[in-house]
Protein backbone atom coordinates (compact mmCIF):
# COMPACT_ATOMS: atom_id res chain seq x y z
CA MET A 1 0.00 0.00 0.00
CA PRO A 2 1.48 3.40 -0.93
CA HIS A 3 2.47 5.60 2.02
CA ILE A 4 -0.01 8.35 1.11
CA LEU A 5 -3.22 6.30 1.35
CA LEU A 6 -5.48 7.17 4.27
CA PRO A 7 -5.41 3.84 6.17
CA ARG A 8 -1.62 3.96 6.37
CA VAL A 9 -1.60 7.64 7.34
CA ALA A 10 -4.26 7.02 10.01
CA MET A 11 -2.27 4.16 11.56
CA ARG A 12 0.83 6.32 12.00
CA TRP A 13 -0.73 9.71 12.84
CA THR A 14 -0.01 11.18 16.26
CA PRO A 15 -2.04 14.23 17.34
CA GLN A 16 -0.14 17.30 18.51
CA GLY A 17 -0.85 19.40 21.59
CA LYS A 18 -2.02 18.68 25.11
CA ARG A 19 -5.31 17.34 26.37
CA ASN A 20 -7.23 18.67 29.32
CA GLY A 21 -6.85 16.85 32.63
CA GLY A 22 -9.12 14.04 33.67
CA GLN A 23 -9.54 10.44 32.69
CA PRO A 24 -7.00 9.24 30.10
CA ARG A 25 -8.52 8.98 26.67
CA GLU A 26 -8.76 5.51 25.17
CA THR A 27 -7.84 5.90 21.51
CA TRP A 28 -8.49 3.54 18.63
CA ARG A 29 -4.76 3.10 18.12
CA ARG A 30 -4.14 2.18 21.76
CA THR A 31 -7.01 -0.30 21.62
CA VAL A 32 -5.60 -1.92 18.48
CA GLU A 33 -2.09 -2.09 19.96
CA ARG A 34 -3.43 -3.65 23.18
CA GLU A 35 -5.44 -6.29 21.29
CA LEU A 36 -2.47 -7.10 19.07
CA LYS A 37 -0.23 -7.43 22.14
CA ASN A 38 -2.72 -9.91 23.63
CA ARG A 39 -2.22 -12.01 20.49
CA GLY A 40 1.57 -11.66 20.56
CA LEU A 41 1.81 -9.23 17.63
CA THR A 42 3.21 -5.76 17.10
CA LEU A 43 1.71 -3.19 14.76
CA GLN A 44 4.50 -3.79 12.25
CA LYS A 45 4.18 -7.57 12.45
CA ALA A 46 0.40 -7.31 12.05
CA SER A 47 0.84 -5.17 8.94
CA ALA A 48 3.14 -7.79 7.44
CA THR A 49 0.73 -10.59 8.40
CA ALA A 50 -2.20 -8.70 6.85
CA ALA A 51 -0.36 -8.71 3.51
CA ASP A 52 -0.56 -12.53 3.62
CA ARG A 53 -4.35 -12.87 3.26
CA PRO A 54 -4.69 -16.59 4.14
CA MET A 55 -2.58 -16.11 7.28
CA TRP A 56 -4.54 -12.98 8.30
CA ARG A 57 -7.85 -14.76 7.72
CA SER A 58 -6.78 -17.66 9.95
CA LEU A 59 -5.72 -15.19 12.64
CA ALA A 60 -9.04 -13.31 12.40
CA VAL A 61 -11.08 -16.54 12.57
CA ALA A 62 -9.07 -17.76 15.56
CA SER A 63 -9.57 -14.48 17.42
CA SER A 64 -13.34 -14.39 16.76
CA THR A 65 -13.80 -17.79 18.42
CA GLN A 66 -12.20 -16.67 21.69
C-alpha cells in the first residue's frame, strides 16, 4: 500500500498538543495495539501478516472464536 493512502496515514498519525486533565482517553490506536499485544503481535508484524491474506484470515477466525 502506498504511504499516502489514508489507512496507512491514520495508523501512523499522532495528534499534537495537550489534552485537558481528567480520565485518560482511550484511543483507537491504543485499543488496536493492546489487542495485538494480547495475540503476541506488534503493529509492524500485524501489517506484514495482513499482507498474507490466508494467514490474516486464519488469525481473524481464531480471534473471533475466543
